[in-house]
Amino acid sequence: MKKKKLKPIPKFKTEKEEREFWQKVDSTEYVDYSTARHVIFPNLKLTTKPITIRLPVGLIDRVKVEAHKMDIPYQALIKKFIYDGIAE
């Protein structure tokens, strides 16, 4: 089978520009996935940082009830509330 000629990947000025580009194009026109290798990153560090925050017990209990209704861990729900609050 004849190899398909790949298009050159353009240079990007920003990560946003690159992200928008890859959302619009078919990546198989730019990348030969048949040559991809499986890679493991055993020493990859977590991108989260643990913090301590004091909350009233009643508030935590209410969050736990809501999280249970949504079938997600309560700490994940707290993270979602924080993210949604600063995203506005």
PDB file of N, CA and C in Angstrom:
ATOM      1  N   MET A   1       0.836  -1.180   0.000  1.00  0.00           N
ATOM      2  CA  MET A   1       0.000   0.000   0.000  1.00  0.00           C
ATOM      3  C   MET A   1       0.883   1.247   0.000  1.00  0.00           C
ATOM      4  N   LYS A   2       0.536   2.196  -0.832  1.00  0.00           N
ATOM      5  CA  LYS A   2       1.315   3.420  -0.964  1.00  0.00           C
ATOM      6  C   LYS A   2       1.058   4.332   0.231  1.00  0.00           C
ATOM      7  N   LYS A   3       2.157   4.902   0.775  1.00  0.00           N
ATOM      8  CA  LYS A   3       2.019   5.809   1.911  1.00  0.00           C
ATOM      9  C   LYS A   3       1.410   7.129   1.461  1.00  0.00           C
ATOM     10  N   LYS A   4       0.513   7.618   2.277  1.00  0.00           N
ATOM     11  CA  LYS A   4      -0.153   8.885   2.004  1.00  0.00           C
ATOM     12  C   LYS A   4       0.802  10.033   2.329  1.00  0.00           C
ATOM     13  N   LYS A   5       0.880  11.022   1.463  1.00  0.00           N
ATOM     14  CA  LYS A   5       1.732  12.196   1.700  1.00  0.00           C
ATOM     15  C   LYS A   5       1.065  13.044   2.771  1.00  0.00           C
ATOM     16  N   LEU A   6       1.814  13.301   3.838  1.00  0.00           N
ATOM     17  CA  LEU A   6       1.273  14.071   4.958  1.00  0.00           C
ATOM     18  C   LEU A   6       1.502  15.559   4.748  1.00  0.00           C
ATOM     19  N   LYS A   7       0.556  16.345   5.232  1.00  0.00           N
ATOM     20  CA  LYS A   7       0.686  17.796   5.189  1.00  0.00           C
ATOM     21  C   LYS A   7       1.645  18.220   6.297  1.00  0.00           C
ATOM     22  N   PRO A   8       2.411  19.274   6.099  1.00  0.00           N
ATOM     23  CA  PRO A   8       3.302  19.749   7.167  1.00  0.00           C
ATOM     24  C   PRO A   8       2.494  20.409   8.292  1.00  0.00           C
ATOM     25  N   ILE A   9       2.913  20.163   9.525  1.00  0.00           N
ATOM     26  CA  ILE A   9       2.247  20.784  10.669  1.00  0.00           C
ATOM     27  C   ILE A   9       2.738  22.222  10.767  1.00  0.00           C
ATOM     28  N   PRO A  10       1.806  23.177  10.790  1.00  0.00           N
ATOM     29  CA  PRO A  10       2.227  24.580  10.843  1.00  0.00           C
ATOM     30  C   PRO A  10       2.827  24.941  12.211  1.00  0.00           C
ATOM     31  N   LYS A  11       3.547  26.056  12.246  1.00  0.00           N
ATOM     32  CA  LYS A  11       4.083  26.596  13.500  1.00  0.00           C
ATOM     33  C   LYS A  11       2.988  27.445  14.145  1.00  0.00           C
ATOM     34  N   PHE A  12       2.863  27.340  15.449  1.00  0.00           N
ATOM     35  CA  PHE A  12       1.822  28.071  16.159  1.00  0.00           C
ATOM     36  C   PHE A  12       2.441  29.094  17.093  1.00  0.00           C
ATOM     37  N   LYS A  13       1.790  30.242  17.216  1.00  0.00           N
ATOM     38  CA  LYS A  13       2.288  31.300  18.104  1.00  0.00           C
ATOM     39  C   LYS A  13       1.846  31.059  19.544  1.00  0.00           C
ATOM     40  N   THR A  14       0.662  30.462  19.710  1.00  0.00           N
ATOM     41  CA  THR A  14       0.144  30.233  21.058  1.00  0.00           C
ATOM     42  C   THR A  14      -0.471  28.844  21.156  1.00  0.00           C
ATOM     43  N   GLU A  15      -0.629  28.391  22.376  1.00  0.00           N
ATOM     44  CA  GLU A  15      -1.277  27.100  22.601  1.00  0.00           C
ATOM     45  C   GLU A  15      -2.741  27.160  22.165  1.00  0.00           C
ATOM     46  N   LYS A  16      -3.375  28.304  22.373  1.00  0.00           N
ATOM     47  CA  LYS A  16      -4.769  28.477  21.960  1.00  0.00           C
ATOM     48  C   LYS A  16      -4.897  28.326  20.444  1.00  0.00           C
ATOM     49  N   GLU A  17      -3.984  28.937  19.716  1.00  0.00           N
ATOM     50  CA  GLU A  17      -3.988  28.850  18.253  1.00  0.00           C
ATOM     51  C   GLU A  17      -3.836  27.389  17.811  1.00  0.00           C
ATOM     52  N   GLU A  18      -2.940  26.659  18.473  1.00  0.00           N
ATOM     53  CA  GLU A  18      -2.726  25.256  18.132  1.00  0.00           C
ATOM     54  C   GLU A  18      -3.976  24.428  18.436  1.00  0.00           C
ATOM     55  N   ARG A  19      -4.573  24.667  19.605  1.00  0.00           N
ATOM     56  CA  ARG A  19      -5.783  23.925  19.998  1.00  0.00           C
ATOM     57  C   ARG A  19      -6.904  24.147  18.986  1.00  0.00           C
ATOM     58  N   GLU A  20      -7.104  25.404  18.569  1.00  0.00           N
ATOM     59  CA  GLU A  20      -8.152  25.718  17.584  1.00  0.00           C
ATOM     60  C   GLU A  20      -7.874  25.045  16.247  1.00  0.00           C
ATOM     61  N   PHE A  21      -6.602  24.988  15.853  1.00  0.00           N
ATOM     62  CA  PHE A  21      -6.234  24.335  14.603  1.00  0.00           C
ATOM     63  C   PHE A  21      -6.615  22.857  14.635  1.00  0.00           C
ATOM     64  N   TRP A  22      -6.208  22.144  15.701  1.00  0.00           N
ATOM     65  CA  TRP A  22      -6.454  20.706  15.769  1.00  0.00           C
ATOM     66  C   TRP A  22      -7.930  20.369  15.925  1.00  0.00           C
ATOM     67  N   GLN A  23      -8.727  21.311  16.422  1.00  0.00           N
ATOM     68  CA  GLN A  23     -10.168  21.082  16.529  1.00  0.00           C
ATOM     69  C   GLN A  23     -10.849  21.160  15.160  1.00  0.00           C
ATOM     70  N   LYS A  24     -10.221  21.838  14.212  1.00  0.00           N
ATOM     71  CA  LYS A  24     -10.839  22.061  12.901  1.00  0.00           C
ATOM     72  C   LYS A  24     -10.394  21.072  11.823  1.00  0.00           C
ATOM     73  N   VAL A  25      -9.212  20.480  11.976  1.00  0.00           N
ATOM     74  CA  VAL A  25      -8.663  19.654  10.900  1.00  0.00           C
ATOM     75  C   VAL A  25      -8.726  18.168  11.226  1.00  0.00           C
ATOM     76  N   ASP A  26      -8.549  17.348  10.210  1.00  0.00           N
ATOM     77  CA  ASP A  26      -8.440  15.901  10.374  1.00  0.00           C
ATOM     78  C   ASP A  26      -6.962  15.596  10.618  1.00  0.00           C
ATOM     79  N   SER A  27      -6.637  15.162  11.831  1.00  0.00           N
ATOM     80  CA  SER A  27      -5.225  14.966  12.194  1.00  0.00           C
ATOM     81  C   SER A  27      -4.552  13.871  11.377  1.00  0.00           C
ATOM     82  N   THR A  28      -5.316  12.965  10.779  1.00  0.00           N
ATOM     83  CA  THR A  28      -4.702  11.899   9.978  1.00  0.00           C
ATOM     84  C   THR A  28      -4.076  12.444   8.699  1.00  0.00           C
ATOM     85  N   GLU A  29      -4.388  13.686   8.347  1.00  0.00           N
ATOM     86  CA  GLU A  29      -3.755  14.318   7.194  1.00  0.00           C
ATOM     87  C   GLU A  29      -2.383  14.888   7.563  1.00  0.00           C
ATOM     88  N   TYR A  30      -2.081  14.930   8.874  1.00  0.00           N
ATOM     89  CA  TYR A  30      -0.841  15.525   9.357  1.00  0.00           C
ATOM     90  C   TYR A  30       0.054  14.540  10.110  1.00  0.00           C
ATOM     91  N   VAL A  31      -0.542  13.479  10.645  1.00  0.00           N
ATOM     92  CA  VAL A  31       0.195  12.541  11.501  1.00  0.00           C
ATOM     93  C   VAL A  31      -0.013  11.114  11.014  1.00  0.00           C
ATOM     94  N   ASP A  32       1.075  10.345  10.946  1.00  0.00           N
ATOM     95  CA  ASP A  32       0.995   8.927  10.582  1.00  0.00           C
ATOM     96  C   ASP A  32       0.900   8.109  11.872  1.00  0.00           C
ATOM     97  N   TYR A  33      -0.315   7.755  12.259  1.00  0.00           N
ATOM     98  CA  TYR A  33      -0.534   7.047  13.520  1.00  0.00           C
ATOM     99  C   TYR A  33      -0.062   5.596  13.472  1.00  0.00           C
ATOM    100  N   SER A  34       0.239   5.073  12.291  1.00  0.00           N
ATOM    101  CA  SER A  34       0.716   3.693  12.202  1.00  0.00           C
ATOM    102  C   SER A  34       2.111   3.543  12.797  1.00  0.00           C
ATOM    103  N   THR A  35       2.824   4.664  12.962  1.00  0.00           N
ATOM    104  CA  THR A  35       4.176   4.619  13.536  1.00  0.00           C
ATOM    105  C   THR A  35       4.183   4.984  15.024  1.00  0.00           C
ATOM    106  N   ALA A  36       3.005   5.188  15.606  1.00  0.00           N
ATOM    107  CA  ALA A  36       2.928   5.579  17.019  1.00  0.00           C
ATOM    108  C   ALA A  36       3.393   4.448  17.923  1.00  0.00           C
ATOM    109  N   ARG A  37       4.016   4.824  19.032  1.00  0.00           N
ATOM    110  CA  ARG A  37       4.483   3.852  20.016  1.00  0.00           C
ATOM    111  C   ARG A  37       3.745   4.078  21.329  1.00  0.00           C
ATOM    112  N   HIS A  38       3.558   3.009  22.105  1.00  0.00           N
ATOM    113  CA  HIS A  38       2.959   3.104  23.423  1.00  0.00           C
ATOM    114  C   HIS A  38       4.029   3.593  24.389  1.00  0.00           C
ATOM    115  N   VAL A  39       3.713   4.639  25.160  1.00  0.00           N
ATOM    116  CA  VAL A  39       4.685   5.231  26.073  1.00  0.00           C
ATOM    117  C   VAL A  39       4.097   5.253  27.481  1.00  0.00           C
ATOM    118  N   ILE A  40       4.938   4.989  28.474  1.00  0.00           N
ATOM    119  CA  ILE A  40       4.528   5.052  29.874  1.00  0.00           C
ATOM    120  C   ILE A  40       5.372   6.109  30.571  1.00  0.00           C
ATOM    121  N   PHE A  41       4.731   6.916  31.400  1.00  0.00           N
ATOM    122  CA  PHE A  41       5.414   7.944  32.174  1.00  0.00           C
ATOM    123  C   PHE A  41       5.344   7.574  33.658  1.00  0.00           C
ATOM    124  N   PRO A  42       6.254   6.726  34.138  1.00  0.00           N
ATOM    125  CA  PRO A  42       6.151   6.234  35.512  1.00  0.00           C
ATOM    126  C   PRO A  42       6.416   7.291  36.580  1.00  0.00           C
ATOM    127  N   ASN A  43       7.140   8.334  36.262  1.00  0.00           N
ATOM    128  CA  ASN A  43       7.482   9.352  37.258  1.00  0.00           C
ATOM    129  C   ASN A  43       6.674  10.634  37.100  1.00  0.00           C
ATOM    130  N   LEU A  44       5.543  10.526  36.432  1.00  0.00           N
ATOM    131  CA  LEU A  44       4.710  11.692  36.210  1.00  0.00           C
ATOM    132  C   LEU A  44       4.140  12.174  37.546  1.00  0.00           C
ATOM    133  N   LYS A  45       4.297  13.447  37.817  1.00  0.00           N
ATOM    134  CA  LYS A  45       3.824  14.025  39.071  1.00  0.00           C
ATOM    135  C   LYS A  45       2.360  14.442  38.926  1.00  0.00           C
ATOM    136  N   LEU A  46       1.625  14.368  40.039  1.00  0.00           N
ATOM    137  CA  LEU A  46       0.237  14.814  40.034  1.00  0.00           C
ATOM    138  C   LEU A  46       0.180  16.310  39.757  1.00  0.00           C
ATOM    139  N   THR A  47      -0.854  16.730  39.068  1.00  0.00           N
ATOM    140  CA  THR A  47      -0.994  18.144  38.777  1.00  0.00           C
ATOM    141  C   THR A  47      -1.911  18.826  39.785  1.00  0.00           C
ATOM    142  N   THR A  48      -2.322  18.103  40.815  1.00  0.00           N
ATOM    143  CA  THR A  48      -3.144  18.702  41.857  1.00  0.00           C
ATOM    144  C   THR A  48      -2.311  18.905  43.108  1.00  0.00           C
ATOM    145  N   LYS A  49      -2.754  19.835  43.927  1.00  0.00           N
ATOM    146  CA  LYS A  49      -2.054  20.127  45.170  1.00  0.00           C
ATOM    147  C   LYS A  49      -3.058  20.012  46.311  1.00  0.00           C
ATOM    148  N   PRO A  50      -2.760  19.187  47.289  1.00  0.00           N
ATOM    149  CA  PRO A  50      -3.700  19.068  48.409  1.00  0.00           C
ATOM    150  C   PRO A  50      -3.708  20.343  49.255  1.00  0.00           C
ATOM    151  N   ILE A  51      -4.893  20.724  49.714  1.00  0.00           N
ATOM    152  CA  ILE A  51      -5.027  21.884  50.591  1.00  0.00           C
ATOM    153  C   ILE A  51      -5.881  21.489  51.786  1.00  0.00           C
ATOM    154  N   THR A  52      -5.826  22.301  52.819  1.00  0.00           N
ATOM    155  CA  THR A  52      -6.688  22.106  53.981  1.00  0.00           C
ATOM    156  C   THR A  52      -7.637  23.285  54.045  1.00  0.00           C
ATOM    157  N   ILE A  53      -8.923  22.991  54.190  1.00  0.00           N
ATOM    158  CA  ILE A  53      -9.925  24.052  54.303  1.00  0.00           C
ATOM    159  C   ILE A  53     -10.918  23.623  55.382  1.00  0.00           C
ATOM    160  N   ARG A  54     -11.219  24.522  56.262  1.00  0.00           N
ATOM    161  CA  ARG A  54     -12.161  24.221  57.344  1.00  0.00           C
ATOM    162  C   ARG A  54     -13.547  24.676  56.921  1.00  0.00           C
ATOM    163  N   LEU A  55     -14.495  23.737  56.941  1.00  0.00           N
ATOM    164  CA  LEU A  55     -15.879  24.025  56.579  1.00  0.00           C
ATOM    165  C   LEU A  55     -16.781  23.544  57.705  1.00  0.00           C
ATOM    166  N   PRO A  56     -17.926  24.189  57.883  1.00  0.00           N
ATOM    167  CA  PRO A  56     -18.868  23.712  58.900  1.00  0.00           C
ATOM    168  C   PRO A  56     -19.331  22.292  58.589  1.00  0.00           C
ATOM    169  N   VAL A  57     -19.485  21.481  59.636  1.00  0.00           N
ATOM    170  CA  VAL A  57     -19.885  20.081  59.469  1.00  0.00           C
ATOM    171  C   VAL A  57     -21.203  19.981  58.705  1.00  0.00           C
ATOM    172  N   GLY A  58     -22.139  20.875  58.996  1.00  0.00           N
ATOM    173  CA  GLY A  58     -23.433  20.852  58.309  1.00  0.00           C
ATOM    174  C   GLY A  58     -23.299  21.070  56.818  1.00  0.00           C
ATOM    175  N   LEU A  59     -22.390  21.959  56.431  1.00  0.00           N
ATOM    176  CA  LEU A  59     -22.159  22.221  55.006  1.00  0.00           C
ATOM    177  C   LEU A  59     -21.563  20.994  54.321  1.00  0.00           C
ATOM    178  N   ILE A  60     -20.602  20.365  54.972  1.00  0.00           N
ATOM    179  CA  ILE A  60     -19.996  19.156  54.407  1.00  0.00           C
ATOM    180  C   ILE A  60     -21.047  18.060  54.256  1.00  0.00           C
ATOM    181  N   ASP A  61     -21.899  17.921  55.258  1.00  0.00           N
ATOM    182  CA  ASP A  61     -22.960  16.900  55.183  1.00  0.00           C
ATOM    183  C   ASP A  61     -23.903  17.171  54.019  1.00  0.00           C
ATOM    184  N   ARG A  62     -24.250  18.448  53.813  1.00  0.00           N
ATOM    185  CA  ARG A  62     -25.134  18.791  52.684  1.00  0.00           C
ATOM    186  C   ARG A  62     -24.467  18.487  51.350  1.00  0.00           C
ATOM    187  N   VAL A  63     -23.175  18.798  51.250  1.00  0.00           N
ATOM    188  CA  VAL A  63     -22.430  18.510  50.010  1.00  0.00           C
ATOM    189  C   VAL A  63     -22.379  17.004  49.776  1.00  0.00           C
ATOM    190  N   LYS A  64     -22.152  16.240  50.839  1.00  0.00           N
ATOM    191  CA  LYS A  64     -22.097  14.778  50.707  1.00  0.00           C
ATOM    192  C   LYS A  64     -23.428  14.216  50.215  1.00  0.00           C
ATOM    193  N   VAL A  65     -24.530  14.765  50.707  1.00  0.00           N
ATOM    194  CA  VAL A  65     -25.858  14.305  50.259  1.00  0.00           C
ATOM    195  C   VAL A  65     -26.037  14.585  48.772  1.00  0.00           C
ATOM    196  N   GLU A  66     -25.676  15.813  48.345  1.00  0.00           N
ATOM    197  CA  GLU A  66     -25.803  16.166  46.923  1.00  0.00           C
ATOM    198  C   GLU A  66     -24.892  15.303  46.055  1.00  0.00           C
ATOM    199  N   ALA A  67     -23.677  15.076  46.526  1.00  0.00           N
ATOM    200  CA  ALA A  67     -22.740  14.244  45.772  1.00  0.00           C
ATOM    201  C   ALA A  67     -23.262  12.827  45.647  1.00  0.00           C
ATOM    202  N   HIS A  68     -23.860  12.318  46.727  1.00  0.00           N
ATOM    203  CA  HIS A  68     -24.422  10.961  46.686  1.00  0.00           C
ATOM    204  C   HIS A  68     -25.538  10.877  45.645  1.00  0.00           C
ATOM    205  N   LYS A  69     -26.377  11.905  45.577  1.00  0.00           N
ATOM    206  CA  LYS A  69     -27.458  11.938  44.581  1.00  0.00           C
ATOM    207  C   LYS A  69     -26.895  11.884  43.158  1.00  0.00           C
ATOM    208  N   MET A  70     -25.728  12.516  42.969  1.00  0.00           N
ATOM    209  CA  MET A  70     -25.106  12.576  41.648  1.00  0.00           C
ATOM    210  C   MET A  70     -24.150  11.409  41.415  1.00  0.00           C
ATOM    211  N   ASP A  71     -23.981  10.572  42.439  1.00  0.00           N
ATOM    212  CA  ASP A  71     -23.094   9.407  42.382  1.00  0.00           C
ATOM    213  C   ASP A  71     -21.655   9.796  42.030  1.00  0.00           C
ATOM    214  N   ILE A  72     -21.163  10.843  42.710  1.00  0.00           N
ATOM    215  CA  ILE A  72     -19.770  11.257  42.547  1.00  0.00           C
ATOM    216  C   ILE A  72     -19.168  11.486  43.932  1.00  0.00           C
ATOM    217  N   PRO A  73     -17.857  11.431  44.064  1.00  0.00           N
ATOM    218  CA  PRO A  73     -17.232  11.726  45.362  1.00  0.00           C
ATOM    219  C   PRO A  73     -17.504  13.176  45.772  1.00  0.00           C
ATOM    220  N   TYR A  74     -17.694  13.388  47.070  1.00  0.00           N
ATOM    221  CA  TYR A  74     -18.047  14.739  47.517  1.00  0.00           C
ATOM    222  C   TYR A  74     -16.932  15.747  47.264  1.00  0.00           C
ATOM    223  N   GLN A  75     -15.669  15.308  47.321  1.00  0.00           N
ATOM    224  CA  GLN A  75     -14.584  16.241  47.050  1.00  0.00           C
ATOM    225  C   GLN A  75     -14.582  16.674  45.582  1.00  0.00           C
ATOM    226  N   ALA A  76     -14.981  15.770  44.694  1.00  0.00           N
ATOM    227  CA  ALA A  76     -15.092  16.131  43.272  1.00  0.00           C
ATOM    228  C   ALA A  76     -16.185  17.183  43.089  1.00  0.00           C
ATOM    229  N   LEU A  77     -17.266  17.052  43.848  1.00  0.00           N
ATOM    230  CA  LEU A  77     -18.353  18.032  43.755  1.00  0.00           C
ATOM    231  C   LEU A  77     -17.898  19.387  44.288  1.00  0.00           C
ATOM    232  N   ILE A  78     -17.136  19.390  45.368  1.00  0.00           N
ATOM    233  CA  ILE A  78     -16.605  20.651  45.893  1.00  0.00           C
ATOM    234  C   ILE A  78     -15.707  21.312  44.847  1.00  0.00           C
ATOM    235  N   LYS A  79     -14.845  20.522  44.189  1.00  0.00           N
ATOM    236  CA  LYS A  79     -13.981  21.075  43.135  1.00  0.00           C
ATOM    237  C   LYS A  79     -14.814  21.672  42.004  1.00  0.00           C
ATOM    238  N   LYS A  80     -15.902  20.984  41.660  1.00  0.00           N
ATOM    239  CA  LYS A  80     -16.786  21.483  40.598  1.00  0.00           C
ATOM    240  C   LYS A  80     -17.418  22.807  41.017  1.00  0.00           C
ATOM    241  N   PHE A  81     -17.884  22.901  42.260  1.00  0.00           N
ATOM    242  CA  PHE A  81     -18.472  24.148  42.744  1.00  0.00           C
ATOM    243  C   PHE A  81     -17.459  25.295  42.674  1.00  0.00           C
ATOM    244  N   ILE A  82     -16.234  25.030  43.086  1.00  0.00           N
ATOM    245  CA  ILE A  82     -15.201  26.067  43.051  1.00  0.00           C
ATOM    246  C   ILE A  82     -14.920  26.480  41.608  1.00  0.00           C
ATOM    247  N   TYR A  83     -14.742  25.488  40.740  1.00  0.00           N
ATOM    248  CA  TYR A  83     -14.451  25.776  39.335  1.00  0.00           C
ATOM    249  C   TYR A  83     -15.596  26.588  38.705  1.00  0.00           C
ATOM    250  N   ASP A  84     -16.845  26.133  38.930  1.00  0.00           N
ATOM    251  CA  ASP A  84     -17.988  26.852  38.360  1.00  0.00           C
ATOM    252  C   ASP A  84     -18.070  28.272  38.900  1.00  0.00           C
ATOM    253  N   GLY A  85     -17.726  28.451  40.177  1.00  0.00           N
ATOM    254  CA  GLY A  85     -17.789  29.775  40.788  1.00  0.00           C
ATOM    255  C   GLY A  85     -16.785  30.745  40.193  1.00  0.00           C
ATOM    256  N   ILE A  86     -15.574  30.280  39.886  1.00  0.00           N
ATOM    257  CA  ILE A  86     -14.580  31.205  39.322  1.00  0.00           C
ATOM    258  C   ILE A  86     -14.692  31.330  37.815  1.00  0.00           C
ATOM    259  N   ALA A  87     -15.402  30.411  37.176  1.00  0.00           N
ATOM    260  CA  ALA A  87     -15.561  30.453  35.722  1.00  0.00           C
ATOM    261  C   ALA A  87     -16.575  31.510  35.302  1.00  0.00           C
ATOM    262  N   GLU A  88     -17.410  31.938  36.220  1.00  0.00           N
ATOM    263  CA  GLU A  88     -18.459  32.923  35.872  1.00  0.00           C
ATOM    264  C   GLU A  88     -17.916  34.292  35.664  1.00  0.00           C
TER     265      GLU A  88
END
